[in-house]
Amino acid sequence: QFKLAKSKTKLTVEASVKKVRPFALAAFARGLRFDDESVRELMQLQEKLVLTHGRRRRKVAVGVHDA
């Protein structure tokens, strides 16, 4: 199980980006540990999302970053 809570971290989207991507969403997952296999699986999921639902990045962009 995971505990959900509002974050004090803010997502800032520059005006130039808003013209291309009018909607932005962020999620922060803290305290997780990833081994090499988990990172590969996460990258594969990210690619599947942008290639299918994201229409080859024309509609959706997904980024995964360490914080």
PDB file of N, CA and C in Angstrom:
ATOM      1  N   GLN A   1       0.835  -1.182   0.000  1.00  0.00           N
ATOM      2  CA  GLN A   1       0.000   0.000   0.000  1.00  0.00           C
ATOM      3  C   GLN A   1       0.874   1.237   0.000  1.00  0.00           C
ATOM      4  N   PHE A   2       0.324   2.300  -0.552  1.00  0.00           N
ATOM      5  CA  PHE A   2       1.031   3.566  -0.607  1.00  0.00           C
ATOM      6  C   PHE A   2       0.202   4.636   0.076  1.00  0.00           C
ATOM      7  N   LYS A   3       0.879   5.532   0.734  1.00  0.00           N
ATOM      8  CA  LYS A   3       0.211   6.652   1.391  1.00  0.00           C
ATOM      9  C   LYS A   3       0.165   7.823   0.409  1.00  0.00           C
ATOM     10  N   LEU A   4      -1.005   8.388   0.206  1.00  0.00           N
ATOM     11  CA  LEU A   4      -1.166   9.538  -0.677  1.00  0.00           C
ATOM     12  C   LEU A   4      -1.278  10.808   0.148  1.00  0.00           C
ATOM     13  N   ALA A   5      -0.597  11.849  -0.324  1.00  0.00           N
ATOM     14  CA  ALA A   5      -0.652  13.134   0.362  1.00  0.00           C
ATOM     15  C   ALA A   5      -0.365  14.241  -0.638  1.00  0.00           C
ATOM     16  N   LYS A   6      -0.877  15.417  -0.365  1.00  0.00           N
ATOM     17  CA  LYS A   6      -0.573  16.562  -1.220  1.00  0.00           C
ATOM     18  C   LYS A   6       0.887  16.940  -1.017  1.00  0.00           C
ATOM     19  N   SER A   7       1.505  17.344  -2.107  1.00  0.00           N
ATOM     20  CA  SER A   7       2.907  17.744  -2.058  1.00  0.00           C
ATOM     21  C   SER A   7       3.014  19.257  -1.974  1.00  0.00           C
ATOM     22  N   LYS A   8       4.059  19.722  -1.328  1.00  0.00           N
ATOM     23  CA  LYS A   8       4.331  21.159  -1.302  1.00  0.00           C
ATOM     24  C   LYS A   8       5.142  21.571  -2.530  1.00  0.00           C
ATOM     25  N   THR A   9       5.587  20.597  -3.297  1.00  0.00           N
ATOM     26  CA  THR A   9       6.347  20.861  -4.511  1.00  0.00           C
ATOM     27  C   THR A   9       5.399  21.370  -5.586  1.00  0.00           C
ATOM     28  N   LYS A  10       5.837  22.375  -6.326  1.00  0.00           N
ATOM     29  CA  LYS A  10       4.997  22.961  -7.376  1.00  0.00           C
ATOM     30  C   LYS A  10       5.552  22.627  -8.751  1.00  0.00           C
ATOM     31  N   LEU A  11       4.659  22.412  -9.679  1.00  0.00           N
ATOM     32  CA  LEU A  11       5.007  22.199 -11.078  1.00  0.00           C
ATOM     33  C   LEU A  11       4.818  23.529 -11.799  1.00  0.00           C
ATOM     34  N   THR A  12       5.888  24.032 -12.387  1.00  0.00           N
ATOM     35  CA  THR A  12       5.833  25.292 -13.122  1.00  0.00           C
ATOM     36  C   THR A  12       5.990  24.999 -14.602  1.00  0.00           C
ATOM     37  N   VAL A  13       5.057  25.478 -15.398  1.00  0.00           N
ATOM     38  CA  VAL A  13       5.092  25.275 -16.849  1.00  0.00           C
ATOM     39  C   VAL A  13       5.271  26.638 -17.507  1.00  0.00           C
ATOM     40  N   GLU A  14       6.321  26.761 -18.300  1.00  0.00           N
ATOM     41  CA  GLU A  14       6.585  28.032 -18.972  1.00  0.00           C
ATOM     42  C   GLU A  14       5.530  28.296 -20.043  1.00  0.00           C
ATOM     43  N   ALA A  15       5.289  29.570 -20.305  1.00  0.00           N
ATOM     44  CA  ALA A  15       4.261  29.973 -21.271  1.00  0.00           C
ATOM     45  C   ALA A  15       4.501  29.362 -22.645  1.00  0.00           C
ATOM     46  N   SER A  16       5.759  29.270 -23.066  1.00  0.00           N
ATOM     47  CA  SER A  16       6.059  28.704 -24.389  1.00  0.00           C
ATOM     48  C   SER A  16       5.675  27.229 -24.467  1.00  0.00           C
ATOM     49  N   VAL A  17       5.773  26.529 -23.365  1.00  0.00           N
ATOM     50  CA  VAL A  17       5.405  25.109 -23.329  1.00  0.00           C
ATOM     51  C   VAL A  17       3.890  24.962 -23.325  1.00  0.00           C
ATOM     52  N   LYS A  18       3.195  25.868 -22.665  1.00  0.00           N
ATOM     53  CA  LYS A  18       1.733  25.795 -22.590  1.00  0.00           C
ATOM     54  C   LYS A  18       1.084  25.834 -23.968  1.00  0.00           C
ATOM     55  N   LYS A  19       1.731  26.486 -24.919  1.00  0.00           N
ATOM     56  CA  LYS A  19       1.188  26.541 -26.274  1.00  0.00           C
ATOM     57  C   LYS A  19       1.219  25.169 -26.939  1.00  0.00           C
ATOM     58  N   VAL A  20       2.236  24.386 -26.609  1.00  0.00           N
ATOM     59  CA  VAL A  20       2.400  23.056 -27.202  1.00  0.00           C
ATOM     60  C   VAL A  20       1.706  21.995 -26.358  1.00  0.00           C
ATOM     61  N   ARG A  21       1.836  22.098 -25.048  1.00  0.00           N
ATOM     62  CA  ARG A  21       1.247  21.148 -24.104  1.00  0.00           C
ATOM     63  C   ARG A  21       0.360  21.933 -23.133  1.00  0.00           C
ATOM     64  N   PRO A  22      -0.915  22.120 -23.471  1.00  0.00           N
ATOM     65  CA  PRO A  22      -1.781  22.955 -22.636  1.00  0.00           C
ATOM     66  C   PRO A  22      -2.096  22.357 -21.261  1.00  0.00           C
ATOM     67  N   PHE A  23      -1.836  21.082 -21.069  1.00  0.00           N
ATOM     68  CA  PHE A  23      -2.098  20.438 -19.784  1.00  0.00           C
ATOM     69  C   PHE A  23      -0.815  19.792 -19.283  1.00  0.00           C
ATOM     70  N   ALA A  24      -0.592  19.870 -17.988  1.00  0.00           N
ATOM     71  CA  ALA A  24       0.589  19.254 -17.381  1.00  0.00           C
ATOM     72  C   ALA A  24       0.176  18.600 -16.069  1.00  0.00           C
ATOM     73  N   LEU A  25       0.824  17.503 -15.759  1.00  0.00           N
ATOM     74  CA  LEU A  25       0.524  16.750 -14.548  1.00  0.00           C
ATOM     75  C   LEU A  25       1.823  16.201 -14.003  1.00  0.00           C
ATOM     76  N   ALA A  26       1.940  16.170 -12.694  1.00  0.00           N
ATOM     77  CA  ALA A  26       3.133  15.610 -12.064  1.00  0.00           C
ATOM     78  C   ALA A  26       2.716  14.725 -10.902  1.00  0.00           C
ATOM     79  N   ALA A  27       3.489  13.703 -10.680  1.00  0.00           N
ATOM     80  CA  ALA A  27       3.304  12.830  -9.520  1.00  0.00           C
ATOM     81  C   ALA A  27       4.679  12.577  -8.919  1.00  0.00           C
ATOM     82  N   PHE A  28       4.756  12.606  -7.623  1.00  0.00           N
ATOM     83  CA  PHE A  28       6.009  12.370  -6.930  1.00  0.00           C
ATOM     84  C   PHE A  28       5.888  11.094  -6.112  1.00  0.00           C
ATOM     85  N   ALA A  29       6.805  10.187  -6.324  1.00  0.00           N
ATOM     86  CA  ALA A  29       6.847   8.936  -5.556  1.00  0.00           C
ATOM     87  C   ALA A  29       8.168   8.933  -4.800  1.00  0.00           C
ATOM     88  N   ARG A  30       8.083   9.035  -3.508  1.00  0.00           N
ATOM     89  CA  ARG A  30       9.295   9.116  -2.695  1.00  0.00           C
ATOM     90  C   ARG A  30       9.514   7.820  -1.930  1.00  0.00           C
ATOM     91  N   GLY A  31      10.788   7.536  -1.678  1.00  0.00           N
ATOM     92  CA  GLY A  31      11.141   6.390  -0.854  1.00  0.00           C
ATOM     93  C   GLY A  31      11.124   5.061  -1.585  1.00  0.00           C
ATOM     94  N   LEU A  32      11.065   5.092  -2.908  1.00  0.00           N
ATOM     95  CA  LEU A  32      11.066   3.855  -3.685  1.00  0.00           C
ATOM     96  C   LEU A  32      12.486   3.495  -4.088  1.00  0.00           C
ATOM     97  N   ARG A  33      12.764   2.224  -4.184  1.00  0.00           N
ATOM     98  CA  ARG A  33      14.076   1.742  -4.615  1.00  0.00           C
ATOM     99  C   ARG A  33      13.889   0.978  -5.914  1.00  0.00           C
ATOM    100  N   PHE A  34      14.731   1.275  -6.892  1.00  0.00           N
ATOM    101  CA  PHE A  34      14.662   0.617  -8.187  1.00  0.00           C
ATOM    102  C   PHE A  34      15.970  -0.096  -8.472  1.00  0.00           C
ATOM    103  N   ASP A  35      15.870  -1.363  -8.831  1.00  0.00           N
ATOM    104  CA  ASP A  35      17.053  -2.060  -9.331  1.00  0.00           C
ATOM    105  C   ASP A  35      17.072  -1.902 -10.849  1.00  0.00           C
ATOM    106  N   ASP A  36      18.086  -2.447 -11.502  1.00  0.00           N
ATOM    107  CA  ASP A  36      18.216  -2.284 -12.953  1.00  0.00           C
ATOM    108  C   ASP A  36      16.989  -2.792 -13.704  1.00  0.00           C
ATOM    109  N   GLU A  37      16.463  -3.921 -13.289  1.00  0.00           N
ATOM    110  CA  GLU A  37      15.297  -4.500 -13.962  1.00  0.00           C
ATOM    111  C   GLU A  37      14.069  -3.603 -13.797  1.00  0.00           C
ATOM    112  N   SER A  38      13.877  -3.058 -12.610  1.00  0.00           N
ATOM    113  CA  SER A  38      12.738  -2.157 -12.376  1.00  0.00           C
ATOM    114  C   SER A  38      12.837  -0.905 -13.241  1.00  0.00           C
ATOM    115  N   VAL A  39      14.039  -0.381 -13.403  1.00  0.00           N
ATOM    116  CA  VAL A  39      14.235   0.802 -14.251  1.00  0.00           C
ATOM    117  C   VAL A  39      13.904   0.464 -15.699  1.00  0.00           C
ATOM    118  N   ARG A  40      14.356  -0.694 -16.169  1.00  0.00           N
ATOM    119  CA  ARG A  40      14.042  -1.121 -17.542  1.00  0.00           C
ATOM    120  C   ARG A  40      12.537  -1.255 -17.742  1.00  0.00           C
ATOM    121  N   GLU A  41      11.845  -1.863 -16.787  1.00  0.00           N
ATOM    122  CA  GLU A  41      10.394  -2.033 -16.887  1.00  0.00           C
ATOM    123  C   GLU A  41       9.679  -0.683 -16.893  1.00  0.00           C
ATOM    124  N   LEU A  42      10.125   0.240 -16.072  1.00  0.00           N
ATOM    125  CA  LEU A  42       9.529   1.573 -16.034  1.00  0.00           C
ATOM    126  C   LEU A  42       9.738   2.299 -17.362  1.00  0.00           C
ATOM    127  N   MET A  43      10.914   2.169 -17.938  1.00  0.00           N
ATOM    128  CA  MET A  43      11.197   2.797 -19.231  1.00  0.00           C
ATOM    129  C   MET A  43      10.348   2.180 -20.340  1.00  0.00           C
ATOM    130  N   GLN A  44      10.147   0.864 -20.296  1.00  0.00           N
ATOM    131  CA  GLN A  44       9.302   0.205 -21.293  1.00  0.00           C
ATOM    132  C   GLN A  44       7.858   0.675 -21.168  1.00  0.00           C
ATOM    133  N   LEU A  45       7.363   0.800 -19.951  1.00  0.00           N
ATOM    134  CA  LEU A  45       6.002   1.300 -19.729  1.00  0.00           C
ATOM    135  C   LEU A  45       5.864   2.724 -20.259  1.00  0.00           C
ATOM    136  N   GLN A  46       6.846   3.552 -19.971  1.00  0.00           N
ATOM    137  CA  GLN A  46       6.844   4.934 -20.457  1.00  0.00           C
ATOM    138  C   GLN A  46       6.783   4.960 -21.977  1.00  0.00           C
ATOM    139  N   GLU A  47       7.587   4.161 -22.634  1.00  0.00           N
ATOM    140  CA  GLU A  47       7.599   4.124 -24.099  1.00  0.00           C
ATOM    141  C   GLU A  47       6.262   3.643 -24.662  1.00  0.00           C
ATOM    142  N   LYS A  48       5.685   2.607 -24.043  1.00  0.00           N
ATOM    143  CA  LYS A  48       4.387   2.105 -24.514  1.00  0.00           C
ATOM    144  C   LYS A  48       3.309   3.174 -24.398  1.00  0.00           C
ATOM    145  N   LEU A  49       3.332   3.936 -23.310  1.00  0.00           N
ATOM    146  CA  LEU A  49       2.339   5.001 -23.120  1.00  0.00           C
ATOM    147  C   LEU A  49       2.455   6.083 -24.182  1.00  0.00           C
ATOM    148  N   VAL A  50       3.676   6.535 -24.454  1.00  0.00           N
ATOM    149  CA  VAL A  50       3.813   7.629 -25.424  1.00  0.00           C
ATOM    150  C   VAL A  50       3.613   7.158 -26.856  1.00  0.00           C
ATOM    151  N   LEU A  51       3.923   5.904 -27.143  1.00  0.00           N
ATOM    152  CA  LEU A  51       3.752   5.409 -28.507  1.00  0.00           C
ATOM    153  C   LEU A  51       2.300   5.073 -28.825  1.00  0.00           C
ATOM    154  N   THR A  52       1.530   4.672 -27.819  1.00  0.00           N
ATOM    155  CA  THR A  52       0.134   4.309 -28.064  1.00  0.00           C
ATOM    156  C   THR A  52      -0.790   5.477 -27.730  1.00  0.00           C
ATOM    157  N   HIS A  53      -1.015   5.719 -26.472  1.00  0.00           N
ATOM    158  CA  HIS A  53      -1.919   6.796 -26.049  1.00  0.00           C
ATOM    159  C   HIS A  53      -1.380   8.170 -26.431  1.00  0.00           C
ATOM    160  N   GLY A  54      -0.076   8.297 -26.459  1.00  0.00           N
ATOM    161  CA  GLY A  54       0.532   9.587 -26.789  1.00  0.00           C
ATOM    162  C   GLY A  54       0.690   9.833 -28.272  1.00  0.00           C
ATOM    163  N   ARG A  55       0.270   8.867 -29.072  1.00  0.00           N
ATOM    164  CA  ARG A  55       0.347   8.991 -30.535  1.00  0.00           C
ATOM    165  C   ARG A  55       1.739   9.425 -30.981  1.00  0.00           C
ATOM    166  N   ARG A  56       2.698   8.640 -30.550  1.00  0.00           N
ATOM    167  CA  ARG A  56       4.111   8.882 -30.892  1.00  0.00           C
ATOM    168  C   ARG A  56       4.575  10.270 -30.474  1.00  0.00           C
ATOM    169  N   ARG A  57       4.200  10.639 -29.274  1.00  0.00           N
ATOM    170  CA  ARG A  57       4.576  11.899 -28.628  1.00  0.00           C
ATOM    171  C   ARG A  57       3.908  13.139 -29.220  1.00  0.00           C
ATOM    172  N   ARG A  58       2.947  12.962 -30.101  1.00  0.00           N
ATOM    173  CA  ARG A  58       2.236  14.132 -30.627  1.00  0.00           C
ATOM    174  C   ARG A  58       1.232  14.660 -29.605  1.00  0.00           C
ATOM    175  N   LYS A  59       0.691  13.774 -28.761  1.00  0.00           N
ATOM    176  CA  LYS A  59      -0.339  14.178 -27.801  1.00  0.00           C
ATOM    177  C   LYS A  59       0.136  14.129 -26.349  1.00  0.00           C
ATOM    178  N   VAL A  60       1.105  13.260 -26.059  1.00  0.00           N
ATOM    179  CA  VAL A  60       1.528  13.046 -24.675  1.00  0.00           C
ATOM    180  C   VAL A  60       3.045  12.943 -24.608  1.00  0.00           C
ATOM    181  N   ALA A  61       3.608  13.542 -23.590  1.00  0.00           N
ATOM    182  CA  ALA A  61       5.028  13.369 -23.290  1.00  0.00           C
ATOM    183  C   ALA A  61       5.122  12.874 -21.851  1.00  0.00           C
ATOM    184  N   VAL A  62       5.984  11.911 -21.607  1.00  0.00           N
ATOM    185  CA  VAL A  62       6.145  11.342 -20.273  1.00  0.00           C
ATOM    186  C   VAL A  62       7.614  11.435 -19.899  1.00  0.00           C
ATOM    187  N   GLY A  63       7.872  11.911 -18.705  1.00  0.00           N
ATOM    188  CA  GLY A  63       9.244  11.974 -18.219  1.00  0.00           C
ATOM    189  C   GLY A  63       9.327  11.374 -16.833  1.00  0.00           C
ATOM    190  N   VAL A  64      10.406  10.682 -16.571  1.00  0.00           N
ATOM    191  CA  VAL A  64      10.654  10.111 -15.252  1.00  0.00           C
ATOM    192  C   VAL A  64      11.999  10.668 -14.791  1.00  0.00           C
ATOM    193  N   HIS A  65      11.997  11.288 -13.624  1.00  0.00           N
ATOM    194  CA  HIS A  65      13.206  11.939 -13.125  1.00  0.00           C
ATOM    195  C   HIS A  65      13.393  11.612 -11.652  1.00  0.00           C
ATOM    196  N   ASP A  66      14.649  11.540 -11.233  1.00  0.00           N
ATOM    197  CA  ASP A  66      14.873  11.399  -9.796  1.00  0.00           C
ATOM    198  C   ASP A  66      14.799  12.790  -9.173  1.00  0.00           C
ATOM    199  N   ALA A  67      14.352  12.831  -7.946  1.00  0.00           N
ATOM    200  CA  ALA A  67      14.164  14.136  -7.290  1.00  0.00           C
ATOM    201  C   ALA A  67      15.080  14.267  -6.092  1.00  0.00           C
TER     202      ALA A  67
END
